[in-house]
Protein backbone atom coordinates (compact mmCIF):
# COMPACT_ATOMS: atom_id res chain seq x y z
CA MET A 1 0.10 -0.02 0.09
CA LEU A 2 2.80 2.48 0.89
CA SER A 3 4.26 1.63 -2.53
CA TYR A 4 1.45 3.20 -3.99
CA ILE A 5 0.71 6.15 -1.49
CA ILE A 6 4.19 7.65 -1.30
CA PRO A 7 4.68 8.04 -5.12
CA PHE A 8 1.09 9.37 -5.43
CA ILE A 9 1.73 12.11 -2.69
CA ILE A 10 5.04 13.11 -4.10
CA LEU A 11 3.42 13.50 -7.59
CA ILE A 12 0.37 15.39 -6.32
CA LEU A 13 2.47 17.70 -3.99
CA ILE A 14 4.75 18.72 -6.97
CA VAL A 15 1.94 19.10 -9.55
CA VAL A 16 -0.36 20.94 -7.26
CA PHE A 17 2.51 23.26 -5.93
CA ILE A 18 3.47 24.09 -9.43
CA HIS A 19 -0.19 25.01 -10.22
CA GLU A 20 -0.82 27.09 -7.20
CA TYR A 21 2.65 28.72 -7.71
CA GLY A 22 1.52 29.90 -11.07
CA HIS A 23 -1.26 31.77 -9.45
CA TYR A 24 0.89 33.04 -6.67
CA TYR A 25 3.50 34.34 -9.17
CA PHE A 26 1.20 36.57 -11.10
CA ALA A 27 -0.59 37.63 -7.82
CA LYS A 28 2.73 38.95 -6.47
CA LYS A 29 3.79 40.38 -9.91
CA TYR A 30 0.66 42.56 -9.86
CA GLY A 31 0.85 43.49 -6.19
CA VAL A 32 -1.96 41.25 -4.99
CA GLY A 33 -1.68 40.35 -1.27
CA VAL A 34 -1.46 36.56 -0.60
CA THR A 35 -2.45 35.39 2.89
CA ASP A 36 -2.33 31.63 2.34
CA PHE A 37 -0.54 29.24 0.00
CA SER A 38 -1.93 25.79 0.84
CA ILE A 39 -0.99 22.39 -0.65
CA GLY A 40 -3.80 20.11 0.46
CA PHE A 41 -7.12 20.76 2.35
CA GLY A 42 -8.29 20.29 5.97
CA GLN A 43 -6.16 20.57 9.12
CA GLU A 44 -2.67 22.09 8.74
CA LEU A 45 0.15 19.59 9.29
CA VAL A 46 3.12 22.05 8.90
CA GLY A 47 3.39 25.69 7.95
CA TRP A 48 5.27 28.94 8.25
CA HIS A 49 5.13 32.64 7.44
CA ASP A 50 7.27 34.29 5.00
CA LYS A 51 8.45 38.05 5.10
CA SER A 52 5.42 39.28 3.30
CA GLY A 53 3.07 37.67 5.74
CA THR A 54 2.05 34.68 3.56
CA ARG A 55 1.18 31.50 5.43
CA TRP A 56 2.73 28.61 3.42
CA LYS A 57 1.24 25.29 4.68
CA ILE A 58 0.73 21.61 3.94
CA CYS A 59 -2.66 20.12 4.97
CA TRP A 60 -3.55 16.54 5.59
CA ILE A 61 -5.84 15.95 2.45
CA PRO A 62 -3.32 16.11 -0.41
CA LEU A 63 -5.86 16.14 -3.18
CA GLY A 64 -5.49 19.89 -4.24
CA GLY A 65 -4.41 23.20 -2.95
CA TYR A 66 -5.42 26.91 -3.03
CA VAL A 67 -4.01 30.32 -2.98
CA LYS A 68 -5.96 32.80 -0.78
CA PHE A 69 -5.76 36.57 -1.64
CA PHE A 70 -5.94 39.33 0.80
CA GLY A 71 -9.44 40.51 1.93
CA ASP A 72 -11.34 38.08 -0.36
CA ARG A 73 -14.30 36.35 1.18
CA ASN A 74 -14.68 34.69 -2.25
CA VAL A 75 -11.33 34.75 -4.02
CA PHE A 76 -12.71 35.70 -7.43
CA SER A 77 -15.91 37.41 -6.53
CA GLN A 78 -16.33 40.77 -8.49
CA ALA A 79 -19.99 41.46 -7.55
CA ASP A 80 -19.49 43.14 -4.25
CA GLN A 81 -16.76 45.73 -4.95
CA GLU A 82 -18.49 48.62 -3.28
CA LYS A 83 -18.61 46.83 0.03
CA ILE A 84 -14.96 45.87 -0.26
CA ILE A 85 -13.90 49.38 -1.10
CA GLN A 86 -15.67 50.73 1.98
CA LYS A 87 -14.07 48.19 4.16
CA TYR A 88 -10.39 48.83 3.40
CA ASN A 89 -8.11 51.82 3.62
CA GLU A 90 -6.28 53.23 0.45
CA ASN A 91 -3.09 51.10 1.05
CA ASP A 92 -4.93 47.89 1.63
CA ARG A 93 -7.00 48.43 -1.54
CA LYS A 94 -3.81 48.19 -3.59
CA LYS A 95 -3.50 44.51 -2.39
CA LEU A 96 -7.08 43.57 -3.37
CA PHE A 97 -7.36 41.08 -6.21
CA VAL A 98 -11.05 42.21 -7.07
CA LEU A 99 -9.81 45.85 -7.68
CA LYS A 100 -7.06 44.83 -10.12
CA PRO A 101 -7.60 45.41 -13.96
CA LEU A 102 -9.34 42.75 -15.70
CA TYR A 103 -6.31 41.61 -17.77
CA GLN A 104 -4.22 41.22 -14.43
CA ARG A 105 -7.11 39.07 -12.95
CA VAL A 106 -7.15 36.85 -16.08
CA LEU A 107 -3.40 36.26 -16.04
CA ILE A 108 -3.49 35.53 -12.22
CA VAL A 109 -6.36 32.83 -12.72
CA PHE A 110 -4.72 31.52 -15.93
CA GLY A 111 -1.24 31.32 -14.30
CA GLY A 112 -2.12 27.93 -12.59
CA PRO A 113 -3.07 26.04 -15.73
CA LEU A 114 -0.13 27.79 -17.60
CA ALA A 115 2.32 26.61 -14.86
CA ASN A 116 1.17 23.02 -15.39
CA PHE A 117 1.82 23.16 -19.09
CA ILE A 118 5.29 24.69 -18.59
CA LEU A 119 6.17 21.88 -16.02
CA ALA A 120 5.25 19.37 -18.65
CA LEU A 121 7.22 21.27 -21.23
CA VAL A 122 10.25 21.29 -18.92
CA ILE A 123 9.98 17.61 -18.16
CA PHE A 124 9.84 16.61 -21.85
CA PHE A 125 12.61 18.97 -22.79
CA SER A 126 14.86 17.60 -20.06
CA ILE A 127 14.21 14.06 -21.14
CA TYR A 128 14.82 14.70 -24.80
CA THR A 129 18.02 16.68 -24.06
CA PHE A 130 19.67 14.55 -21.39
CA VAL A 131 18.11 11.01 -22.18
CA GLY A 132 17.19 11.28 -25.63
CA LYS A 133 14.12 10.54 -27.92
CA ASP A 134 13.44 7.57 -30.09
CA PHE A 135 13.17 8.03 -33.84
CA THR A 136 13.16 4.45 -35.03
CA PRO A 137 10.95 4.04 -37.90
CA ALA A 138 8.02 1.77 -37.36
CA VAL A 139 7.94 -1.34 -39.77
CA ILE A 140 5.20 -4.02 -39.75
CA ASN A 141 6.79 -7.38 -39.15
CA GLU A 142 3.68 -9.43 -39.05
CA VAL A 143 -0.03 -8.91 -39.88
CA GLN A 144 -2.35 -11.28 -37.90
CA LYS A 145 -4.71 -13.38 -39.92
CA GLU A 146 -8.25 -12.26 -40.03
CA SER A 147 -7.26 -9.08 -37.97
CA PRO A 148 -8.59 -5.59 -38.75
CA ALA A 149 -5.13 -4.73 -40.29
CA MET A 150 -5.27 -7.67 -42.74
CA ILE A 151 -8.89 -6.83 -43.63
CA GLY A 152 -7.91 -3.19 -44.17
CA GLY A 153 -5.04 -4.05 -46.29
CA LEU A 154 -2.00 -3.59 -44.28
CA LYS A 155 0.92 -5.80 -45.10
CA GLN A 156 4.27 -7.12 -43.93
CA ASN A 157 7.25 -4.70 -44.43
CA ASP A 158 4.82 -1.76 -44.60
CA VAL A 159 6.50 1.39 -43.06
CA ILE A 160 3.91 3.21 -40.96
CA LEU A 161 4.21 7.10 -41.87
CA GLU A 162 1.16 8.56 -40.20
CA ILE A 163 -2.03 7.45 -38.16
CA ASP A 164 -5.02 9.87 -38.46
CA GLY A 165 -2.76 12.60 -39.77
CA ASN A 166 -0.37 12.38 -36.83
CA GLU A 167 3.14 11.76 -38.14
CA VAL A 168 4.73 8.47 -36.72
CA LYS A 169 8.25 9.64 -35.87
CA SER A 170 8.98 6.49 -33.79
CA ILE A 171 7.82 3.03 -33.40
CA MET A 172 6.62 4.05 -29.89
CA ASP A 173 4.10 6.48 -31.54
CA VAL A 174 2.12 3.80 -33.06
CA SER A 175 0.45 2.37 -29.94
CA LYS A 176 -0.02 5.95 -28.65
CA TYR A 177 -1.92 7.21 -31.59
CA ILE A 178 -4.05 4.11 -31.72
CA THR A 179 -4.92 4.19 -28.11
CA MET A 180 -5.68 7.85 -27.93
CA SER A 181 -7.80 8.03 -31.02
CA THR A 182 -11.60 8.08 -30.56
CA ASP A 183 -12.27 7.65 -34.27
CA GLU A 184 -14.06 4.45 -35.43
CA ILE A 185 -11.95 4.15 -38.46
CA LEU A 186 -8.07 4.92 -38.46
CA ASP A 187 -6.31 6.21 -41.41
CA PHE A 188 -2.80 4.52 -41.77
CA LYS A 189 -0.56 6.19 -44.15
CA VAL A 190 2.21 3.64 -45.13
CA LYS A 191 5.13 3.46 -47.40
CA ARG A 192 5.06 0.26 -49.46
CA SER A 193 8.01 -0.09 -51.71
CA TYR A 194 8.28 3.42 -53.26
CA ASP A 195 4.68 4.26 -52.90
CA GLU A 196 2.76 6.05 -50.13
CA ILE A 197 -0.83 4.85 -49.66
CA ILE A 198 -3.53 5.45 -47.07
CA ILE A 199 -5.36 2.39 -45.66
CA LYS A 200 -8.39 2.39 -43.51
CA VAL A 201 -8.54 0.16 -40.54
CA LYS A 202 -11.31 -0.39 -37.99
CA PRO A 203 -9.77 -1.51 -34.62
CA ASN A 204 -11.35 -4.24 -32.43
CA ILE A 205 -12.15 -3.20 -28.93
CA VAL A 206 -10.98 -6.15 -26.63
CA LEU A 207 -10.51 -6.45 -22.84
CA GLY A 208 -6.78 -6.79 -22.28
CA GLU A 209 -3.91 -5.38 -19.94
CA ASP A 210 -1.85 -2.29 -20.22
CA ASN A 211 1.89 -2.36 -19.69
CA LEU A 212 1.33 -2.31 -16.01
CA GLY A 213 -1.09 -5.14 -15.89
CA ASN A 214 -4.33 -2.99 -15.36
CA LYS A 215 -7.36 -4.15 -17.11
CA ILE A 216 -8.40 -1.97 -19.99
CA ASN A 217 -10.37 -1.99 -23.14
CA LYS A 218 -7.77 -1.85 -25.78
CA ARG A 219 -8.11 -0.86 -29.43
CA MET A 220 -6.32 -3.64 -31.38
CA VAL A 221 -5.44 -3.79 -35.09
CA GLY A 222 -3.37 -6.92 -35.20
CA ILE A 223 0.15 -5.99 -36.13
CA LYS A 224 3.57 -6.66 -34.73
CA LEU A 225 6.11 -3.98 -35.25
CA GLY A 226 9.94 -4.00 -35.56
CA ALA A 227 12.68 -1.48 -36.16
CA TYR A 228 13.49 -0.43 -39.76
CA ASN A 229 16.53 -2.47 -40.90
CA ASN A 230 16.66 -3.72 -37.39
CA GLU A 231 18.33 -0.41 -36.30
CA ILE A 232 17.30 1.40 -33.17
CA ASN A 233 17.66 5.18 -33.62
CA HIS A 234 17.68 6.81 -30.15
CA VAL A 235 19.28 10.39 -29.95
CA LYS A 236 19.71 13.18 -27.57
CA LEU A 237 18.44 16.34 -29.05
CA GLY A 238 19.89 19.83 -28.98
CA PRO A 239 17.94 22.63 -27.24
CA ALA A 240 15.97 23.82 -30.37
CA GLN A 241 14.87 20.39 -31.30
CA ALA A 242 14.12 19.32 -27.75
CA ILE A 243 11.89 22.38 -27.17
CA TYR A 244 10.07 21.75 -30.47
CA HIS A 245 9.40 18.11 -29.77
CA ALA A 246 8.48 18.90 -26.18
CA ALA A 247 5.88 21.52 -27.22
CA HIS A 248 4.55 19.00 -29.80
CA GLU A 249 4.06 16.34 -27.05
CA VAL A 250 2.27 18.92 -24.82
CA TYR A 251 0.07 20.00 -27.82
CA PHE A 252 -0.79 16.42 -28.88
CA VAL A 253 -1.54 15.07 -25.45
CA SER A 254 -3.84 18.15 -24.91
CA ILE A 255 -5.78 17.99 -28.07
CA SER A 256 -6.19 14.20 -27.81
CA SER A 257 -7.46 14.52 -24.26
CA LEU A 258 -9.98 17.14 -25.47
CA LYS A 259 -10.98 14.79 -28.19
CA TYR A 260 -11.29 12.06 -25.77
CA ILE A 261 -13.57 14.12 -23.38
CA GLY A 262 -15.71 15.20 -26.32
CA GLY A 263 -16.03 11.55 -27.30
CA MET A 264 -17.19 10.59 -23.95
CA ILE A 265 -19.70 13.43 -24.04
CA LEU A 266 -21.08 12.18 -27.33
CA GLY A 267 -21.03 8.59 -26.19
CA LYS A 268 -18.07 7.59 -28.57
CA ALA A 269 -15.29 7.08 -26.10
CA ASP A 270 -14.78 4.48 -23.36
CA THR A 271 -15.80 6.04 -20.12
CA SER A 272 -14.54 3.14 -18.06
CA GLN A 273 -11.03 4.44 -18.57
CA LEU A 274 -11.79 7.76 -16.64
CA GLY A 275 -10.37 7.47 -13.18
CA GLY A 276 -9.78 9.62 -10.18
CA PRO A 277 -7.32 9.75 -7.23
CA ILE A 278 -7.46 5.95 -6.43
CA ARG A 279 -6.58 4.95 -9.95
CA ILE A 280 -3.93 7.86 -10.14
CA ALA A 281 -2.48 6.57 -6.83
CA LYS A 282 -2.33 2.91 -8.18
CA ILE A 283 -0.78 3.73 -11.37
CA SER A 284 1.78 6.27 -9.63
CA GLY A 285 2.90 3.33 -7.62
CA GLN A 286 3.23 0.88 -10.65
CA VAL A 287 5.08 3.51 -12.72
CA ALA A 288 7.48 4.30 -9.93
CA GLU A 289 8.66 0.79 -9.98
CA PHE A 290 9.83 1.30 -13.57
CA GLY A 291 12.32 4.05 -12.31
CA VAL A 292 12.62 7.89 -12.01
CA LEU A 293 12.37 8.52 -15.73
CA ALA A 294 8.93 6.75 -16.08
CA PHE A 295 7.59 8.57 -12.91
CA ILE A 296 8.56 12.02 -14.07
CA SER A 297 7.08 11.33 -17.53
CA MET A 298 3.85 10.35 -15.89
CA MET A 299 4.12 13.55 -13.88
CA ALA A 300 4.22 15.52 -17.04
CA TYR A 301 0.92 13.88 -18.34
CA ILE A 302 -0.87 14.38 -15.01
CA SER A 303 0.35 18.00 -15.06
CA ILE A 304 -1.31 18.53 -18.57
CA SER A 305 -4.45 16.90 -17.31
CA LEU A 306 -4.67 19.16 -14.33
CA GLY A 307 -3.96 22.22 -16.41
CA LEU A 308 -6.63 21.20 -19.03
CA VAL A 309 -9.30 20.26 -16.47
CA ASN A 310 -8.89 23.55 -14.69
CA LEU A 311 -9.57 25.38 -17.78
CA PHE A 312 -13.01 23.79 -18.24
CA PRO A 313 -15.58 26.62 -18.10
CA ILE A 314 -17.06 25.19 -14.88
CA PRO A 315 -17.55 27.54 -11.76
CA MET A 316 -15.16 26.57 -8.96
CA LEU A 317 -12.53 25.83 -11.45
CA ASP A 318 -10.10 28.39 -13.11
CA GLY A 319 -11.99 28.18 -16.37
CA GLY A 320 -15.20 29.10 -14.65
CA HIS A 321 -13.60 32.23 -13.37
CA LEU A 322 -12.25 32.98 -16.81
CA MET A 323 -15.82 32.52 -18.13
CA PHE A 324 -17.08 35.06 -15.69
CA TYR A 325 -14.38 37.68 -16.77
CA ALA A 326 -15.46 37.00 -20.34
CA PHE A 327 -18.98 37.98 -19.32
CA GLU A 328 -17.56 40.91 -17.60
CA LYS A 329 -15.70 42.09 -20.64
CA ILE A 330 -18.76 41.76 -23.05
CA LEU A 331 -21.26 43.31 -20.55
CA GLY A 332 -18.86 45.91 -19.14
CA ARG A 333 -19.61 44.94 -15.59
CA PRO A 334 -19.36 41.74 -13.29
CA LEU A 335 -22.25 39.46 -13.12
CA SER A 336 -24.41 39.87 -10.09
CA GLN A 337 -23.73 38.01 -6.93
CA LYS A 338 -27.02 35.99 -7.29
CA THR A 339 -25.97 35.01 -10.84
CA GLN A 340 -22.57 33.84 -9.75
CA GLU A 341 -24.16 31.81 -6.94
CA GLY A 342 -26.38 30.05 -9.35
CA PHE A 343 -23.44 29.26 -11.63
CA PHE A 344 -21.40 27.92 -8.67
CA ARG A 345 -24.24 25.57 -7.62
CA ILE A 346 -24.27 24.20 -11.19
CA GLY A 347 -20.39 23.89 -10.98
CA LEU A 348 -20.60 22.16 -7.70
CA PHE A 349 -23.08 19.61 -8.90
CA LEU A 350 -21.08 18.89 -12.02
CA LEU A 351 -17.81 18.33 -9.99
CA LEU A 352 -19.58 16.14 -7.39
CA THR A 353 -21.12 14.16 -10.37
CA LEU A 354 -17.61 13.75 -11.99
CA MET A 355 -16.08 12.70 -8.49
CA PHE A 356 -18.75 10.16 -8.05
CA PHE A 357 -18.38 8.60 -11.39
CA THR A 358 -14.55 8.51 -11.29
CA THR A 359 -14.65 7.05 -7.85
CA PHE A 360 -16.93 4.51 -8.99
CA ASN A 361 -14.63 3.54 -11.86
CA ASP A 362 -11.74 3.49 -9.45
CA LEU A 363 -13.45 0.91 -7.15
CA LYS A 364 -14.60 -1.06 -9.96
CA ASP A 365 -10.94 -1.15 -11.20
CA LEU A 366 -10.05 -2.47 -7.70
CA GLY A 367 -12.58 -5.26 -8.01
CA LEU A 368 -15.07 -3.97 -5.39
CA PHE A 369 -17.87 -3.69 -8.06
CA ARG A 370 -18.68 -5.85 -11.13
């Protein structure tokens, strides 16, 4: 159990700290007073005050965090400015979040997700620079009989160039693109002799196991891959190439995740793969057994997920506050307190529903439900 909990706590502490520090950085940049910087919720385990009076603390429920701004009953509330102005003197007003210009408030709120994307970018950049990136072309060594690949027309010795428009730069890209696609039909662009052709393949959905031994519904096309001319091409990249490929990975994961979520909403994607803290803890422990490199790679993917989820236009999340600011820009004034509270109730319902659903999936994954 500890082998799962400790890696999970380390992962969450780092990813959440980076997220909250993004808010904190822009808040301090624009002179907003910060009273609390908390990692976790509930009772404080350890904490201290810095020179500016901010209370830095770690609390006993490590499933999130928050940055509390000076004077804010509701950190992002804009509807009761007059009451706030009357409550504070001129010097204190300069530290109030709600009195800052709209663009500064937007940057402070967006700073959290932005920090998560930057963390992922730094991790991928570091891996590609110091460890290297695989560029081994993907060659089909075998096409299984009666498989979707054979029915579609894939053949032995085909070199896979693209899947659904995504360039296959490495043999490792093939399973990633197949797994993360939500399309019913996959377009394989392959090189056969001197020709480049596009072949449509409809994957089978079968119950199998991932590389960690977890039960998942896998998209199978029925091919076995090998290295082109049996040569492995793994190279360390220079700074320019590393940042390019790191940015591409962050972009690809973000777009694929959004497509997957859209697929779930439309009923096209497998909702059983959506997990919460329990599944993340389990996978964190499993990945940690493969070493530091695998663990920090997973941290990058979790960081991207946290950044994306927080940008959803759901009140209580960063994206919800950005939505309110969009209304403020369009209307020329903040939404009324009553309207905001109505949105927050809807947001709370959506988040509780999502938490219930992911927890149910987690418990089912552990074998507690069938």
